[in-house]
PDB file of all heavy atoms in Angstrom:
ATOM      1  N   LEU A   1     -24.624 -12.735  -9.200  1.00  0.00           N
ATOM      2  CA  LEU A   1     -25.250 -12.590  -7.888  1.00  0.00           C
ATOM      3  C   LEU A   1     -24.653 -13.623  -6.928  1.00  0.00           C
ATOM      4  O   LEU A   1     -25.219 -14.678  -6.689  1.00  0.00           O
ATOM      5  CB  LEU A   1     -26.756 -12.771  -8.010  1.00  0.00           C
ATOM      6  CG  LEU A   1     -27.596 -12.301  -6.823  1.00  0.00           C
ATOM      7  CD1 LEU A   1     -27.426 -10.795  -6.623  1.00  0.00           C
ATOM      8  CD2 LEU A   1     -29.066 -12.634  -7.028  1.00  0.00           C
ATOM      9  N   PRO A   2     -23.487 -13.321  -6.354  1.00  0.00           N
ATOM     10  CA  PRO A   2     -22.852 -14.263  -5.416  1.00  0.00           C
ATOM     11  C   PRO A   2     -23.707 -14.428  -4.157  1.00  0.00           C
ATOM     12  O   PRO A   2     -24.568 -13.592  -3.863  1.00  0.00           O
ATOM     13  CB  PRO A   2     -21.512 -13.589  -5.088  1.00  0.00           C
ATOM     14  CG  PRO A   2     -21.321 -12.545  -6.143  1.00  0.00           C
ATOM     15  CD  PRO A   2     -22.682 -12.119  -6.559  1.00  0.00           C
ATOM     16  N   PRO A   3     -23.464 -15.496  -3.397  1.00  0.00           N
ATOM     17  CA  PRO A   3     -24.190 -15.697  -2.134  1.00  0.00           C
ATOM     18  C   PRO A   3     -24.024 -14.485  -1.216  1.00  0.00           C
ATOM     19  O   PRO A   3     -22.930 -13.943  -1.069  1.00  0.00           O
ATOM     20  CB  PRO A   3     -23.529 -16.944  -1.539  1.00  0.00           C
ATOM     21  CG  PRO A   3     -22.989 -17.676  -2.725  1.00  0.00           C
ATOM     22  CD  PRO A   3     -22.531 -16.625  -3.688  1.00  0.00           C
ATOM     23  N   GLY A   4     -25.130 -14.053  -0.634  1.00  0.00           N
ATOM     24  CA  GLY A   4     -25.095 -12.912   0.260  1.00  0.00           C
ATOM     25  C   GLY A   4     -25.416 -11.594  -0.394  1.00  0.00           C
ATOM     26  O   GLY A   4     -25.680 -10.603   0.293  1.00  0.00           O
ATOM     27  N   ASP A   5     -25.402 -11.556  -1.728  1.00  0.00           N
ATOM     28  CA  ASP A   5     -25.775 -10.330  -2.427  1.00  0.00           C
ATOM     29  C   ASP A   5     -27.296 -10.265  -2.582  1.00  0.00           C
ATOM     30  O   ASP A   5     -28.000 -11.263  -2.472  1.00  0.00           O
ATOM     31  CB  ASP A   5     -25.130 -10.275  -3.810  1.00  0.00           C
ATOM     32  CG  ASP A   5     -23.699  -9.751  -3.747  1.00  0.00           C
ATOM     33  OD1 ASP A   5     -23.193  -9.625  -2.631  1.00  0.00           O
ATOM     34  OD2 ASP A   5     -23.121  -9.496  -4.811  1.00  0.00           O
ATOM     35  N   CYS A   6     -27.784  -9.072  -2.886  1.00  0.00           N
ATOM     36  CA  CYS A   6     -29.211  -8.927  -3.140  1.00  0.00           C
ATOM     37  C   CYS A   6     -29.427  -7.869  -4.214  1.00  0.00           C
ATOM     38  O   CYS A   6     -28.559  -7.017  -4.447  1.00  0.00           O
ATOM     39  CB  CYS A   6     -29.961  -8.533  -1.861  1.00  0.00           C
ATOM     40  SG  CYS A   6     -29.527  -6.901  -1.223  1.00  0.00           S
ATOM     41  N   VAL A   7     -30.546  -7.949  -4.870  1.00  0.00           N
ATOM     42  CA  VAL A   7     -30.931  -6.974  -5.886  1.00  0.00           C
ATOM     43  C   VAL A   7     -32.286  -6.386  -5.469  1.00  0.00           C
ATOM     44  O   VAL A   7     -33.211  -7.121  -5.124  1.00  0.00           O
ATOM     45  CB  VAL A   7     -31.049  -7.607  -7.279  1.00  0.00           C
ATOM     46  CG1 VAL A   7     -31.596  -6.593  -8.285  1.00  0.00           C
ATOM     47  CG2 VAL A   7     -29.704  -8.127  -7.747  1.00  0.00           C
ATOM     48  N   ILE A   8     -32.374  -5.080  -5.504  1.00  0.00           N
ATOM     49  CA  ILE A   8     -33.623  -4.404  -5.183  1.00  0.00           C
ATOM     50  C   ILE A   8     -34.191  -3.810  -6.471  1.00  0.00           C
ATOM     51  O   ILE A   8     -33.491  -3.082  -7.185  1.00  0.00           O
ATOM     52  CB  ILE A   8     -33.411  -3.292  -4.149  1.00  0.00           C
ATOM     53  CG1 ILE A   8     -32.882  -3.875  -2.840  1.00  0.00           C
ATOM     54  CG2 ILE A   8     -34.705  -2.517  -3.893  1.00  0.00           C
ATOM     55  CD1 ILE A   8     -32.527  -2.824  -1.824  1.00  0.00           C
ATOM     56  N   VAL A   9     -35.421  -4.122  -6.771  1.00  0.00           N
ATOM     57  CA  VAL A   9     -36.107  -3.572  -7.943  1.00  0.00           C
ATOM     58  C   VAL A   9     -37.214  -2.646  -7.432  1.00  0.00           C
ATOM     59  O   VAL A   9     -38.083  -3.078  -6.673  1.00  0.00           O
ATOM     60  CB  VAL A   9     -36.702  -4.678  -8.826  1.00  0.00           C
ATOM     61  CG1 VAL A   9     -37.398  -4.077 -10.027  1.00  0.00           C
ATOM     62  CG2 VAL A   9     -35.603  -5.646  -9.274  1.00  0.00           C
ATOM     63  N   GLU A  10     -37.165  -1.397  -7.852  1.00  0.00           N
ATOM     64  CA  GLU A  10     -38.143  -0.411  -7.392  1.00  0.00           C
ATOM     65  C   GLU A  10     -38.885   0.177  -8.581  1.00  0.00           C
ATOM     66  O   GLU A  10     -38.305   0.392  -9.650  1.00  0.00           O
ATOM     67  CB  GLU A  10     -37.448   0.714  -6.632  1.00  0.00           C
ATOM     68  CG  GLU A  10     -36.766   0.248  -5.346  1.00  0.00           C
ATOM     69  CD  GLU A  10     -35.965   1.358  -4.689  1.00  0.00           C
ATOM     70  OE1 GLU A  10     -35.246   2.064  -5.415  1.00  0.00           O
ATOM     71  OE2 GLU A  10     -36.085   1.506  -3.477  1.00  0.00           O
ATOM     72  N   PHE A  11     -40.162   0.441  -8.390  1.00  0.00           N
ATOM     73  CA  PHE A  11     -40.984   1.040  -9.438  1.00  0.00           C
ATOM     74  C   PHE A  11     -41.680   2.286  -8.890  1.00  0.00           C
ATOM     75  O   PHE A  11     -42.097   2.315  -7.742  1.00  0.00           O
ATOM     76  CB  PHE A  11     -42.063   0.056  -9.916  1.00  0.00           C
ATOM     77  CG  PHE A  11     -41.509  -1.157 -10.607  1.00  0.00           C
ATOM     78  CD1 PHE A  11     -41.256  -2.314  -9.896  1.00  0.00           C
ATOM     79  CD2 PHE A  11     -41.250  -1.132 -11.956  1.00  0.00           C
ATOM     80  CE1 PHE A  11     -40.746  -3.443 -10.527  1.00  0.00           C
ATOM     81  CE2 PHE A  11     -40.736  -2.252 -12.599  1.00  0.00           C
ATOM     82  CZ  PHE A  11     -40.487  -3.408 -11.888  1.00  0.00           C
ATOM     83  N   ASN A  12     -41.763   3.293  -9.733  1.00  0.00           N
ATOM     84  CA  ASN A  12     -42.549   4.465  -9.354  1.00  0.00           C
ATOM     85  C   ASN A  12     -44.005   4.252  -9.791  1.00  0.00           C
ATOM     86  O   ASN A  12     -44.310   3.362 -10.576  1.00  0.00           O
ATOM     87  CB  ASN A  12     -41.989   5.725 -10.021  1.00  0.00           C
ATOM     88  CG  ASN A  12     -41.973   5.609 -11.527  1.00  0.00           C
ATOM     89  OD1 ASN A  12     -41.491   4.626 -12.067  1.00  0.00           O
ATOM     90  ND2 ASN A  12     -42.480   6.613 -12.212  1.00  0.00           N
ATOM     91  N   GLY A  13     -44.893   5.061  -9.275  1.00  0.00           N
ATOM     92  CA  GLY A  13     -46.287   4.997  -9.693  1.00  0.00           C
ATOM     93  C   GLY A  13     -46.439   5.507 -11.123  1.00  0.00           C
ATOM     94  O   GLY A  13     -45.573   6.201 -11.653  1.00  0.00           O
ATOM     95  N   SER A  14     -47.533   5.175 -11.743  1.00  0.00           N
ATOM     96  CA  SER A  14     -47.771   5.622 -13.114  1.00  0.00           C
ATOM     97  C   SER A  14     -48.083   7.111 -13.133  1.00  0.00           C
ATOM     98  O   SER A  14     -48.468   7.702 -12.116  1.00  0.00           O
ATOM     99  CB  SER A  14     -48.945   4.841 -13.714  1.00  0.00           C
ATOM    100  OG  SER A  14     -50.121   5.055 -12.961  1.00  0.00           O
ATOM    101  N   GLY A  15     -47.902   7.731 -14.272  1.00  0.00           N
ATOM    102  CA  GLY A  15     -48.172   9.151 -14.410  1.00  0.00           C
ATOM    103  C   GLY A  15     -49.664   9.431 -14.379  1.00  0.00           C
ATOM    104  O   GLY A  15     -50.486   8.582 -14.727  1.00  0.00           O
ATOM    105  N   GLY A  16     -50.014  10.628 -13.972  1.00  0.00           N
ATOM    106  CA  GLY A  16     -51.411  11.033 -13.954  1.00  0.00           C
ATOM    107  C   GLY A  16     -51.811  11.703 -15.253  1.00  0.00           C
ATOM    108  O   GLY A  16     -51.087  11.658 -16.245  1.00  0.00           O
ATOM    109  N   TYR A  17     -52.970  12.341 -15.243  1.00  0.00           N
ATOM    110  CA  TYR A  17     -53.493  13.010 -16.440  1.00  0.00           C
ATOM    111  C   TYR A  17     -53.756  14.466 -16.095  1.00  0.00           C
ATOM    112  O   TYR A  17     -54.461  14.765 -15.123  1.00  0.00           O
ATOM    113  CB  TYR A  17     -54.774  12.339 -16.906  1.00  0.00           C
ATOM    114  CG  TYR A  17     -55.353  12.925 -18.175  1.00  0.00           C
ATOM    115  CD1 TYR A  17     -54.850  12.557 -19.417  1.00  0.00           C
ATOM    116  CD2 TYR A  17     -56.374  13.862 -18.123  1.00  0.00           C
ATOM    117  CE1 TYR A  17     -55.360  13.102 -20.577  1.00  0.00           C
ATOM    118  CE2 TYR A  17     -56.886  14.419 -19.284  1.00  0.00           C
ATOM    119  CZ  TYR A  17     -56.378  14.034 -20.506  1.00  0.00           C
ATOM    120  OH  TYR A  17     -56.885  14.580 -21.653  1.00  0.00           O
ATOM    121  N   GLY A  18     -53.216  15.359 -16.871  1.00  0.00           N
ATOM    122  CA  GLY A  18     -53.444  16.775 -16.647  1.00  0.00           C
ATOM    123  C   GLY A  18     -52.468  17.383 -15.652  1.00  0.00           C
ATOM    124  O   GLY A  18     -51.501  16.749 -15.219  1.00  0.00           O
ATOM    125  N   ASP A  19     -52.738  18.623 -15.288  1.00  0.00           N
ATOM    126  CA  ASP A  19     -51.876  19.367 -14.387  1.00  0.00           C
ATOM    127  C   ASP A  19     -52.138  18.941 -12.950  1.00  0.00           C
ATOM    128  O   ASP A  19     -53.272  19.065 -12.469  1.00  0.00           O
ATOM    129  CB  ASP A  19     -52.159  20.861 -14.554  1.00  0.00           C
ATOM    130  CG  ASP A  19     -51.198  21.738 -13.770  1.00  0.00           C
ATOM    131  OD1 ASP A  19     -50.478  21.216 -12.894  1.00  0.00           O
ATOM    132  OD2 ASP A  19     -51.163  22.951 -14.045  1.00  0.00           O
ATOM    133  N   PRO A  20     -51.126  18.458 -12.218  1.00  0.00           N
ATOM    134  CA  PRO A  20     -51.361  18.049 -10.841  1.00  0.00           C
ATOM    135  C   PRO A  20     -51.838  19.185  -9.940  1.00  0.00           C
ATOM    136  O   PRO A  20     -52.470  18.935  -8.908  1.00  0.00           O
ATOM    137  CB  PRO A  20     -50.004  17.499 -10.387  1.00  0.00           C
ATOM    138  CG  PRO A  20     -49.004  18.040 -11.353  1.00  0.00           C
ATOM    139  CD  PRO A  20     -49.733  18.191 -12.640  1.00  0.00           C
ATOM    140  N   LEU A  21     -51.558  20.441 -10.323  1.00  0.00           N
ATOM    141  CA  LEU A  21     -52.016  21.560  -9.506  1.00  0.00           C
ATOM    142  C   LEU A  21     -53.528  21.755  -9.584  1.00  0.00           C
ATOM    143  O   LEU A  21     -54.105  22.491  -8.777  1.00  0.00           O
ATOM    144  CB  LEU A  21     -51.333  22.860  -9.930  1.00  0.00           C
ATOM    145  CG  LEU A  21     -49.820  22.952  -9.721  1.00  0.00           C
ATOM    146  CD1 LEU A  21     -49.351  24.381  -9.955  1.00  0.00           C
ATOM    147  CD2 LEU A  21     -49.414  22.491  -8.341  1.00  0.00           C
ATOM    148  N   LEU A  22     -54.166  21.095 -10.547  1.00  0.00           N
ATOM    149  CA  LEU A  22     -55.619  21.228 -10.681  1.00  0.00           C
ATOM    150  C   LEU A  22     -56.371  20.116  -9.946  1.00  0.00           C
ATOM    151  O   LEU A  22     -57.595  20.103  -9.924  1.00  0.00           O
ATOM    152  CB  LEU A  22     -56.013  21.211 -12.166  1.00  0.00           C
ATOM    153  CG  LEU A  22     -55.414  22.343 -13.014  1.00  0.00           C
ATOM    154  CD1 LEU A  22     -55.908  22.240 -14.459  1.00  0.00           C
ATOM    155  CD2 LEU A  22     -55.748  23.712 -12.431  1.00  0.00           C
ATOM    156  N   ARG A  23     -55.633  19.202  -9.332  1.00  0.00           N
ATOM    157  CA  ARG A  23     -56.298  18.147  -8.557  1.00  0.00           C
ATOM    158  C   ARG A  23     -56.798  18.723  -7.235  1.00  0.00           C
ATOM    159  O   ARG A  23     -56.099  19.497  -6.579  1.00  0.00           O
ATOM    160  CB  ARG A  23     -55.344  16.990  -8.289  1.00  0.00           C
ATOM    161  CG  ARG A  23     -56.003  15.789  -7.586  1.00  0.00           C
ATOM    162  CD  ARG A  23     -55.149  14.551  -7.739  1.00  0.00           C
ATOM    163  NE  ARG A  23     -55.633  13.410  -6.963  1.00  0.00           N
ATOM    164  CZ  ARG A  23     -56.661  12.627  -7.279  1.00  0.00           C
ATOM    165  NH1 ARG A  23     -57.330  12.871  -8.408  1.00  0.00           N
ATOM    166  NH2 ARG A  23     -57.012  11.616  -6.526  1.00  0.00           N
ATOM    167  N   GLU A  24     -58.012  18.328  -6.866  1.00  0.00           N
ATOM    168  CA  GLU A  24     -58.597  18.821  -5.619  1.00  0.00           C
ATOM    169  C   GLU A  24     -57.710  18.454  -4.436  1.00  0.00           C
ATOM    170  O   GLU A  24     -57.336  17.283  -4.280  1.00  0.00           O
ATOM    171  CB  GLU A  24     -59.988  18.223  -5.427  1.00  0.00           C
ATOM    172  CG  GLU A  24     -61.042  18.747  -6.401  1.00  0.00           C
ATOM    173  CD  GLU A  24     -61.387  20.199  -6.114  1.00  0.00           C
ATOM    174  OE1 GLU A  24     -61.132  20.674  -4.998  1.00  0.00           O
ATOM    175  OE2 GLU A  24     -61.898  20.863  -7.042  1.00  0.00           O
ATOM    176  N   PRO A  25     -57.354  19.423  -3.597  1.00  0.00           N
ATOM    177  CA  PRO A  25     -56.492  19.121  -2.442  1.00  0.00           C
ATOM    178  C   PRO A  25     -57.019  18.000  -1.561  1.00  0.00           C
ATOM    179  O   PRO A  25     -56.231  17.193  -1.053  1.00  0.00           O
ATOM    180  CB  PRO A  25     -56.448  20.462  -1.693  1.00  0.00           C
ATOM    181  CG  PRO A  25     -56.642  21.489  -2.759  1.00  0.00           C
ATOM    182  CD  PRO A  25     -57.622  20.870  -3.720  1.00  0.00           C
ATOM    183  N   GLU A  26     -58.334  17.930  -1.361  1.00  0.00           N
ATOM    184  CA  GLU A  26     -58.880  16.882  -0.512  1.00  0.00           C
ATOM    185  C   GLU A  26     -58.647  15.496  -1.114  1.00  0.00           C
ATOM    186  O   GLU A  26     -58.483  14.513  -0.375  1.00  0.00           O
ATOM    187  CB  GLU A  26     -60.381  17.105  -0.278  1.00  0.00           C
ATOM    188  CG  GLU A  26     -60.688  18.294   0.621  1.00  0.00           C
ATOM    189  CD  GLU A  26     -60.107  18.142   2.020  1.00  0.00           C
ATOM    190  OE1 GLU A  26     -59.898  16.983   2.460  1.00  0.00           O
ATOM    191  OE2 GLU A  26     -59.857  19.170   2.672  1.00  0.00           O
ATOM    192  N   LEU A  27     -58.629  15.410  -2.436  1.00  0.00           N
ATOM    193  CA  LEU A  27     -58.344  14.123  -3.086  1.00  0.00           C
ATOM    194  C   LEU A  27     -56.886  13.745  -2.911  1.00  0.00           C
ATOM    195  O   LEU A  27     -56.555  12.562  -2.756  1.00  0.00           O
ATOM    196  CB  LEU A  27     -58.722  14.174  -4.562  1.00  0.00           C
ATOM    197  CG  LEU A  27     -60.210  14.386  -4.870  1.00  0.00           C
ATOM    198  CD1 LEU A  27     -60.434  14.414  -6.385  1.00  0.00           C
ATOM    199  CD2 LEU A  27     -61.063  13.299  -4.228  1.00  0.00           C
ATOM    200  N   VAL A  28     -56.001  14.741  -2.936  1.00  0.00           N
ATOM    201  CA  VAL A  28     -54.585  14.472  -2.681  1.00  0.00           C
ATOM    202  C   VAL A  28     -54.408  14.003  -1.236  1.00  0.00           C
ATOM    203  O   VAL A  28     -53.662  13.052  -0.963  1.00  0.00           O
ATOM    204  CB  VAL A  28     -53.720  15.714  -2.955  1.00  0.00           C
ATOM    205  CG1 VAL A  28     -52.255  15.441  -2.628  1.00  0.00           C
ATOM    206  CG2 VAL A  28     -53.855  16.149  -4.416  1.00  0.00           C
ATOM    207  N   ALA A  29     -55.107  14.650  -0.314  1.00  0.00           N
ATOM    208  CA  ALA A  29     -55.022  14.244   1.099  1.00  0.00           C
ATOM    209  C   ALA A  29     -55.506  12.804   1.261  1.00  0.00           C
ATOM    210  O   ALA A  29     -54.926  12.027   2.026  1.00  0.00           O
ATOM    211  CB  ALA A  29     -55.855  15.186   1.957  1.00  0.00           C
TER     212      ALA A  29
END
């Protein structure tokens, strides 16, 4: 990591439970 360089660490959200199509739309909103 020379001077002037940078490292970006990104994380996704954790997985849910069950079929996402069964989640109430208002809860997704």
